[in-house]
N, C-alpha and C. Protein backbone atom coordinates (compact mmCIF):
# COMPACT_ATOMS: atom_id res chain seq x y z
N UNK A 1 -147.62 192.05 -40.73
CA UNK A 1 -148.05 191.98 -39.38
C UNK A 1 -146.99 192.59 -38.22
N UNK A 2 -145.68 192.87 -38.96
CA UNK A 2 -145.00 193.68 -37.29
C UNK A 2 -145.57 195.02 -38.37
N UNK A 3 -145.77 195.29 -39.40
CA UNK A 3 -145.91 197.38 -39.61
C UNK A 3 -147.52 197.22 -38.96
N UNK A 4 -148.60 196.08 -38.68
CA UNK A 4 -149.30 196.51 -37.92
C UNK A 4 -149.08 196.48 -36.28
N UNK A 5 -148.31 196.01 -36.12
CA UNK A 5 -148.35 196.04 -35.12
C UNK A 5 -147.42 197.13 -34.25
N UNK A 6 -146.29 197.67 -35.59
CA UNK A 6 -145.87 199.21 -35.04
C UNK A 6 -146.99 200.32 -35.60
N UNK A 7 -147.91 200.68 -36.50
CA UNK A 7 -148.81 201.70 -36.06
C UNK A 7 -149.12 200.90 -34.79
N UNK A 8 -149.66 200.29 -34.48
CA UNK A 8 -150.61 200.34 -33.48
C UNK A 8 -149.94 200.50 -32.23
N UNK A 9 -148.53 200.59 -32.11
CA UNK A 9 -147.62 201.56 -31.31
C UNK A 9 -147.45 202.53 -31.20
N UNK A 10 -147.56 203.02 -32.51
CA UNK A 10 -146.93 204.43 -32.68
C UNK A 10 -148.67 205.63 -32.48
N UNK A 11 -149.74 205.04 -32.53
CA UNK A 11 -150.98 205.40 -32.23
C UNK A 11 -151.07 205.78 -30.58
N UNK A 12 -150.49 205.64 -29.87
CA UNK A 12 -150.05 205.46 -28.22
C UNK A 12 -148.99 206.40 -28.13
N UNK A 13 -148.39 207.02 -29.02
CA UNK A 13 -147.42 207.81 -29.18
C UNK A 13 -145.97 207.02 -28.41
N UNK A 14 -144.78 207.60 -28.36
CA UNK A 14 -143.38 206.97 -28.05
C UNK A 14 -143.86 205.74 -27.19
N UNK A 15 -143.29 204.61 -28.09
CA UNK A 15 -143.08 203.31 -27.47
C UNK A 15 -141.86 202.66 -28.19
N UNK A 16 -141.73 202.04 -27.38
CA UNK A 16 -140.73 200.80 -27.52
C UNK A 16 -141.40 199.39 -28.73
N UNK A 17 -140.86 199.18 -29.59
CA UNK A 17 -141.12 198.56 -31.22
C UNK A 17 -140.35 197.73 -30.87
N UNK A 18 -140.69 196.01 -31.12
CA UNK A 18 -140.10 194.86 -31.55
C UNK A 18 -140.05 195.15 -32.91
N UNK A 19 -138.90 195.29 -33.26
CA UNK A 19 -138.50 194.51 -35.22
C UNK A 19 -137.69 193.74 -35.25
N UNK A 20 -138.19 193.00 -36.38
CA UNK A 20 -137.33 192.20 -36.78
C UNK A 20 -136.22 192.12 -38.27
N UNK A 21 -135.23 192.02 -37.61
CA UNK A 21 -134.18 192.19 -38.95
C UNK A 21 -133.70 190.66 -39.74
N UNK A 22 -133.23 190.57 -40.78
CA UNK A 22 -133.22 188.96 -40.69
C UNK A 22 -133.33 187.64 -39.77
N UNK A 23 -134.43 187.84 -39.05
CA UNK A 23 -134.87 186.64 -38.29
C UNK A 23 -134.46 187.32 -36.89
N UNK A 24 -133.75 188.16 -36.49
CA UNK A 24 -133.88 188.65 -34.99
C UNK A 24 -134.53 189.67 -34.59
N UNK A 25 -134.35 189.57 -33.43
CA UNK A 25 -135.61 190.45 -33.03
C UNK A 25 -135.18 191.69 -31.89
N UNK A 26 -135.39 192.72 -31.44
CA UNK A 26 -134.64 193.71 -31.12
C UNK A 26 -135.81 194.88 -30.57
N UNK A 27 -135.46 195.29 -29.61
CA UNK A 27 -136.39 196.49 -29.07
C UNK A 27 -135.79 198.09 -29.54
N UNK A 28 -136.22 198.84 -29.92
CA UNK A 28 -135.92 199.99 -31.03
C UNK A 28 -136.72 201.20 -30.75
N UNK A 29 -136.66 202.42 -30.19
CA UNK A 29 -137.18 203.52 -29.69
C UNK A 29 -137.90 203.68 -31.00
N UNK A 30 -139.65 204.35 -30.81
CA UNK A 30 -139.23 204.54 -32.42
C UNK A 30 -140.42 206.06 -32.01
N UNK A 31 -140.80 206.63 -32.88
CA UNK A 31 -141.45 207.92 -33.07
C UNK A 31 -141.00 208.88 -33.04
N UNK A 32 -141.02 210.46 -32.51
CA UNK A 32 -140.78 211.11 -33.12
C UNK A 32 -140.25 211.80 -31.52
N UNK A 33 -139.02 211.98 -31.37
CA UNK A 33 -138.40 212.30 -29.57
C UNK A 33 -137.81 213.10 -29.89
N UNK A 34 -137.71 214.56 -28.55
CA UNK A 34 -136.83 215.40 -28.00
C UNK A 34 -135.84 214.79 -27.87
N UNK A 35 -134.40 214.59 -28.12
CA UNK A 35 -133.65 213.73 -27.30
C UNK A 35 -132.89 214.22 -26.59
N UNK A 36 -132.71 215.87 -26.50
CA UNK A 36 -132.38 216.26 -25.06
C UNK A 36 -132.93 216.23 -24.00
N UNK A 37 -134.40 216.03 -24.00
CA UNK A 37 -135.21 215.52 -23.08
C UNK A 37 -135.78 214.36 -22.73
N UNK A 38 -135.27 213.17 -23.95
CA UNK A 38 -135.95 212.38 -23.59
C UNK A 38 -137.81 211.69 -23.84
N UNK A 39 -138.21 212.85 -24.79
CA UNK A 39 -139.57 212.55 -24.33
C UNK A 39 -140.08 213.06 -25.80
N UNK A 40 -141.56 212.15 -25.73
CA UNK A 40 -141.76 212.15 -27.26
C UNK A 40 -142.86 212.95 -27.60
N UNK A 41 -142.92 213.39 -28.78
CA UNK A 41 -144.01 214.40 -29.28
C UNK A 41 -145.38 213.81 -29.65
N UNK A 42 -146.08 213.92 -29.25
CA UNK A 42 -147.66 212.86 -29.26
C UNK A 42 -147.76 213.29 -31.24
N UNK A 43 -148.04 212.35 -31.38
CA UNK A 43 -148.99 211.36 -32.49
C UNK A 43 -150.00 211.82 -32.44
N UNK A 44 -150.62 212.86 -33.24
CA UNK A 44 -152.23 212.99 -33.54
C UNK A 44 -153.28 212.06 -34.47
N UNK A 45 -152.29 212.01 -35.47
CA UNK A 45 -152.95 211.26 -36.23
C UNK A 45 -152.00 210.29 -37.24
N UNK A 46 -152.79 209.26 -37.76
CA UNK A 46 -152.20 208.20 -38.88
C UNK A 46 -152.80 208.00 -40.07
N UNK A 47 -152.49 208.05 -41.06
CA UNK A 47 -153.14 207.60 -42.27
C UNK A 47 -152.19 206.77 -43.23
N UNK A 48 -152.45 205.85 -43.76
CA UNK A 48 -151.99 204.79 -44.78
C UNK A 48 -152.66 204.60 -46.21
N UNK A 49 -151.85 204.68 -46.63
CA UNK A 49 -152.37 204.45 -48.08
C UNK A 49 -151.38 203.65 -48.68
N UNK A 50 -152.10 202.01 -49.93
CA UNK A 50 -151.46 201.26 -50.64
C UNK A 50 -151.59 201.19 -51.95
N UNK A 51 -151.07 201.35 -53.06
CA UNK A 51 -151.17 201.05 -54.02
C UNK A 51 -150.30 199.83 -54.26
N UNK A 52 -150.76 198.54 -55.15
CA UNK A 52 -150.16 197.19 -55.89
C UNK A 52 -149.01 197.37 -57.08
N UNK A 53 -148.07 198.09 -57.28
CA UNK A 53 -147.66 197.75 -58.22
C UNK A 53 -146.78 196.66 -58.97
N UNK A 54 -147.41 196.63 -59.85
CA UNK A 54 -146.79 195.10 -60.54
C UNK A 54 -146.57 193.94 -59.39
N UNK A 55 -145.34 193.81 -58.91
CA UNK A 55 -144.76 192.75 -58.17
C UNK A 55 -144.16 193.60 -56.61
N UNK A 56 -144.44 194.91 -56.68
CA UNK A 56 -143.77 195.80 -55.47
C UNK A 56 -145.35 196.44 -55.05
N UNK A 57 -145.08 197.31 -54.24
CA UNK A 57 -146.01 198.32 -53.44
C UNK A 57 -145.84 199.35 -52.67
N UNK A 58 -146.32 200.60 -53.53
CA UNK A 58 -146.19 202.08 -52.49
C UNK A 58 -146.82 202.30 -51.91
N UNK A 59 -146.14 202.64 -50.04
CA UNK A 59 -146.93 202.90 -49.29
C UNK A 59 -146.51 204.29 -48.94
N UNK A 60 -148.05 204.61 -48.49
CA UNK A 60 -147.87 206.38 -48.13
C UNK A 60 -148.09 206.55 -46.76
N UNK A 61 -147.42 206.75 -45.70
CA UNK A 61 -147.43 206.93 -44.53
C UNK A 61 -147.67 208.29 -44.29
N UNK A 62 -148.63 209.02 -43.26
CA UNK A 62 -148.66 210.56 -42.77
C UNK A 62 -149.22 210.61 -42.21
N UNK A 63 -148.14 211.08 -41.38
CA UNK A 63 -148.64 211.05 -39.19
C UNK A 63 -148.36 212.36 -39.15
N UNK A 64 -149.27 212.66 -38.28
CA UNK A 64 -148.94 214.68 -37.68
C UNK A 64 -148.76 214.17 -36.27
N UNK A 65 -147.78 214.93 -35.95
CA UNK A 65 -147.40 214.54 -34.73
C UNK A 65 -147.24 216.02 -34.56
N UNK A 66 -147.42 216.48 -32.63
CA UNK A 66 -148.15 218.18 -32.65
C UNK A 66 -146.98 218.30 -31.84
N UNK A 67 -146.19 219.62 -31.61
CA UNK A 67 -145.12 220.15 -30.96
C UNK A 67 -145.93 221.25 -30.04
N UNK A 68 -145.94 220.96 -28.80
CA UNK A 68 -147.07 221.94 -27.97
C UNK A 68 -146.10 222.72 -26.65
N UNK A 69 -144.74 222.40 -27.43
CA UNK A 69 -143.58 223.45 -26.63
C UNK A 69 -143.90 224.58 -27.52
N UNK A 70 -143.75 226.19 -27.25
CA UNK A 70 -143.48 227.21 -27.71
C UNK A 70 -142.09 227.51 -28.28
N UNK A 71 -141.21 226.29 -28.01
CA UNK A 71 -139.69 226.77 -28.18
C UNK A 71 -139.76 225.73 -29.36
N UNK A 72 -138.82 226.03 -30.00
CA UNK A 72 -138.36 225.54 -31.12
C UNK A 72 -137.80 223.97 -30.53
N UNK A 73 -137.74 222.63 -31.16
CA UNK A 73 -136.63 221.74 -30.38
C UNK A 73 -136.59 220.79 -32.28
N UNK A 74 -134.82 220.15 -31.45
CA UNK A 74 -134.16 219.35 -32.49
C UNK A 74 -134.75 217.83 -31.69
N UNK A 75 -135.28 216.92 -32.81
CA UNK A 75 -136.17 215.89 -32.65
C UNK A 75 -135.46 214.83 -33.36
N UNK A 76 -135.68 213.72 -33.19
CA UNK A 76 -135.33 212.65 -34.04
C UNK A 76 -136.47 212.08 -34.28
N UNK A 77 -136.89 210.71 -35.12
CA UNK A 77 -137.87 210.43 -35.32
C UNK A 77 -137.11 208.91 -36.22
N UNK A 78 -137.52 207.77 -35.61
CA UNK A 78 -137.28 206.61 -35.77
C UNK A 78 -138.51 206.09 -36.34
N UNK A 79 -137.88 205.47 -37.57
CA UNK A 79 -139.13 204.67 -38.16
C UNK A 79 -138.54 203.59 -38.97
N UNK A 80 -139.11 201.95 -38.42
CA UNK A 80 -139.11 200.67 -38.60
C UNK A 80 -139.78 200.86 -40.35
N UNK A 81 -138.87 200.24 -41.36
CA UNK A 81 -139.51 200.18 -42.56
C UNK A 81 -138.85 198.56 -43.02
N UNK A 82 -139.67 197.89 -43.96
CA UNK A 82 -138.92 196.27 -44.27
C UNK A 82 -137.35 197.02 -44.89
N UNK A 83 -136.64 195.55 -44.83
CA UNK A 83 -135.44 195.66 -45.15
C UNK A 83 -135.22 195.60 -46.59
N UNK A 84 -134.03 197.07 -47.22
CA UNK A 84 -134.46 197.14 -48.58
C UNK A 84 -135.32 197.63 -49.63
N UNK A 85 -135.89 198.06 -49.07
CA UNK A 85 -137.04 199.27 -49.07
C UNK A 85 -136.09 200.29 -49.56
N UNK A 86 -137.35 200.92 -50.27
CA UNK A 86 -136.31 202.79 -51.10
C UNK A 86 -137.41 203.42 -50.72
N UNK A 87 -136.78 204.47 -49.95
CA UNK A 87 -137.42 205.54 -49.80
C UNK A 87 -137.87 206.57 -50.76
N UNK A 88 -138.40 207.17 -51.67
CA UNK A 88 -138.24 207.88 -52.48
C UNK A 88 -138.99 209.33 -52.41
N UNK A 89 -139.75 209.33 -51.34
CA UNK A 89 -140.34 211.02 -50.98
C UNK A 89 -140.23 211.30 -49.77
N UNK A 90 -140.11 212.40 -49.78
CA UNK A 90 -140.64 213.30 -48.05
C UNK A 90 -140.86 214.07 -48.00
N UNK A 91 -141.53 214.78 -47.52
CA UNK A 91 -142.35 215.90 -47.32
C UNK A 91 -142.99 215.63 -46.10
N UNK A 92 -142.83 217.07 -45.43
CA UNK A 92 -142.81 217.64 -44.11
C UNK A 92 -143.92 219.18 -44.14
N UNK A 93 -145.51 219.11 -43.43
CA UNK A 93 -146.19 220.26 -43.44
C UNK A 93 -145.89 221.48 -41.92
N UNK A 94 -145.18 222.41 -42.43
CA UNK A 94 -145.61 222.89 -40.88
C UNK A 94 -145.71 224.14 -40.91
N UNK A 95 -146.95 224.23 -40.16
CA UNK A 95 -147.65 225.88 -40.24
C UNK A 95 -147.68 226.41 -41.35
N UNK A 96 -148.34 225.49 -42.11
CA UNK A 96 -148.55 225.88 -43.20
C UNK A 96 -147.46 226.18 -44.93
N UNK A 97 -146.43 225.75 -43.99
CA UNK A 97 -145.37 225.92 -45.19
C UNK A 97 -145.27 223.83 -45.75
N UNK A 98 -145.19 224.04 -46.60
CA UNK A 98 -144.90 222.54 -47.05
C UNK A 98 -143.00 222.65 -47.73
N UNK A 99 -142.40 221.53 -47.02
CA UNK A 99 -140.82 220.95 -47.15
C UNK A 99 -140.83 219.51 -47.71
N UNK A 100 -140.26 220.32 -48.96
CA UNK A 100 -139.93 218.78 -49.78
C UNK A 100 -138.73 218.26 -49.79
N UNK A 101 -138.13 216.66 -49.49
CA UNK A 101 -137.18 216.74 -49.24
C UNK A 101 -136.07 216.36 -50.30
N UNK A 102 -134.91 216.29 -50.64
CA UNK A 102 -134.28 215.82 -51.87
C UNK A 102 -133.12 215.17 -51.66
N UNK A 103 -132.59 214.47 -52.28
CA UNK A 103 -131.53 213.19 -52.27
C UNK A 103 -130.15 213.81 -52.54
N UNK A 104 -129.26 214.08 -51.64
CA UNK A 104 -127.84 214.35 -51.32
C UNK A 104 -126.92 213.40 -51.24
N UNK A 105 -125.58 213.77 -51.49
CA UNK A 105 -124.52 213.13 -51.03
C UNK A 105 -124.85 212.94 -49.26
N UNK A 106 -124.53 212.38 -48.85
CA UNK A 106 -124.16 211.84 -47.35
C UNK A 106 -123.76 212.89 -46.56
N UNK A 107 -121.83 213.24 -47.09
CA UNK A 107 -121.98 214.52 -46.23
C UNK A 107 -122.37 216.02 -46.52
N UNK A 108 -122.90 216.02 -47.70
CA UNK A 108 -123.36 217.50 -47.97
C UNK A 108 -124.68 217.62 -47.23
N UNK A 109 -125.33 216.61 -47.55
CA UNK A 109 -126.70 216.84 -46.57
C UNK A 109 -127.00 217.10 -45.13
N UNK A 110 -125.74 216.29 -44.50
CA UNK A 110 -125.21 216.68 -42.84
C UNK A 110 -124.82 218.09 -42.57
N UNK A 111 -124.02 218.51 -43.90
CA UNK A 111 -123.54 220.01 -44.16
C UNK A 111 -124.44 221.22 -43.69
N UNK A 112 -125.86 220.36 -44.74
CA UNK A 112 -127.10 221.68 -45.23
C UNK A 112 -127.55 221.40 -43.85
N UNK A 113 -127.78 220.84 -43.47
CA UNK A 113 -128.25 220.32 -42.09
C UNK A 113 -128.43 220.64 -41.34
N UNK A 114 -126.77 220.99 -40.45
CA UNK A 114 -126.09 221.61 -39.84
C UNK A 114 -126.45 223.11 -39.72
N UNK A 115 -126.22 223.45 -40.58
CA UNK A 115 -126.24 224.82 -41.11
C UNK A 115 -127.58 225.64 -41.14
N UNK A 116 -128.34 224.51 -41.62
CA UNK A 116 -129.77 225.21 -41.57
C UNK A 116 -129.96 225.63 -39.75
N UNK A 117 -129.94 224.49 -39.24
CA UNK A 117 -130.02 224.53 -37.75
C UNK A 117 -129.41 225.66 -37.04
N UNK A 118 -128.14 225.85 -37.42
CA UNK A 118 -127.22 226.83 -36.80
C UNK A 118 -127.87 228.34 -37.06
N UNK A 119 -128.31 228.68 -38.36
CA UNK A 119 -128.95 229.70 -38.80
C UNK A 119 -130.65 229.91 -38.35
N UNK A 120 -131.10 228.90 -37.34
CA UNK A 120 -132.53 228.74 -36.32
C UNK A 120 -133.57 228.60 -37.68
N UNK A 121 -133.29 228.09 -38.92
CA UNK A 121 -133.95 227.72 -39.92
C UNK A 121 -134.55 225.68 -39.56
N UNK A 122 -135.86 225.75 -39.90
CA UNK A 122 -136.39 224.62 -39.73
C UNK A 122 -135.66 223.55 -40.89
N UNK A 123 -135.18 222.85 -40.38
CA UNK A 123 -134.66 221.96 -41.19
C UNK A 123 -134.69 220.03 -40.99
N UNK A 124 -134.17 219.33 -42.02
CA UNK A 124 -134.78 217.78 -42.18
C UNK A 124 -133.69 216.71 -42.82
N UNK A 125 -133.04 216.20 -42.28
CA UNK A 125 -132.07 214.96 -42.51
C UNK A 125 -132.26 213.51 -42.45
N UNK A 126 -132.85 213.00 -43.41
CA UNK A 126 -133.42 211.42 -43.30
C UNK A 126 -132.17 210.52 -43.96
N UNK A 127 -131.84 209.63 -43.17
CA UNK A 127 -130.51 208.76 -42.95
C UNK A 127 -131.32 207.55 -42.59
N UNK A 128 -130.10 206.65 -43.40
CA UNK A 128 -130.92 204.74 -43.05
C UNK A 128 -130.26 204.64 -42.27
N UNK A 129 -130.48 203.79 -40.78
CA UNK A 129 -129.61 203.75 -39.76
C UNK A 129 -129.03 202.29 -39.97
N UNK A 130 -129.99 201.50 -40.11
CA UNK A 130 -129.79 200.11 -40.36
C UNK A 130 -130.97 199.82 -41.70
N UNK A 131 -131.04 198.54 -42.28
CA UNK A 131 -131.68 198.05 -43.49
C UNK A 131 -132.70 198.64 -43.23
N UNK A 132 -133.66 198.39 -42.09
CA UNK A 132 -134.64 198.43 -42.00
C UNK A 132 -134.82 199.42 -40.82
N UNK A 133 -134.42 200.11 -40.73
CA UNK A 133 -134.62 201.52 -39.28
C UNK A 133 -134.37 202.60 -40.44
N UNK A 134 -134.82 203.40 -40.34
CA UNK A 134 -134.97 205.02 -41.00
C UNK A 134 -134.57 205.78 -39.84
N UNK A 135 -133.87 207.00 -39.72
CA UNK A 135 -133.38 207.94 -38.66
C UNK A 135 -133.98 209.74 -39.29
N UNK A 136 -134.97 209.84 -39.22
CA UNK A 136 -134.82 211.81 -39.73
C UNK A 136 -134.98 212.74 -38.67
N UNK A 137 -133.71 213.68 -38.78
CA UNK A 137 -133.48 214.87 -37.45
C UNK A 137 -134.19 216.13 -38.37
N UNK A 138 -135.10 216.67 -37.42
CA UNK A 138 -136.22 217.30 -37.66
C UNK A 138 -135.36 218.72 -36.71
N UNK A 139 -135.00 219.79 -36.98
CA UNK A 139 -134.47 220.40 -36.45
C UNK A 139 -135.10 222.12 -36.07
N UNK A 140 -135.59 222.75 -35.59
CA UNK A 140 -136.65 224.31 -35.13
C UNK A 140 -137.59 224.13 -35.71
N UNK A 141 -138.26 223.01 -35.73
CA UNK A 141 -139.66 222.61 -35.79
C UNK A 141 -141.10 223.43 -34.44
């Protein structure tokens, strides 16, 4: 039910979304946001597929955002998830390129991200903010 509400909010772009965590509620900005300018990058499509596997489920979420700016941006994507889920795959498609995420030690991942951004390369860094909020940093996209 919360997830459907989230998708409904995301379909209209950057919104504040109510996320319930351990029985409490709070307002959390979600979507792809250009931090320096505090603007949202438009979400143009959403596709969700679910596969039930034994007592669990694998949910695939595909979202398409379009950066209409002619300049590269450093953006942050906030994404609510059910508490204690595991994200086991990440892939981004940019201008015909496919970038696939790899699991790294947190410090190493941050270092590689910062190095990529400073070298004007496209870079992503996905981290858990809380047990039910993921944060994806997108650099030079």
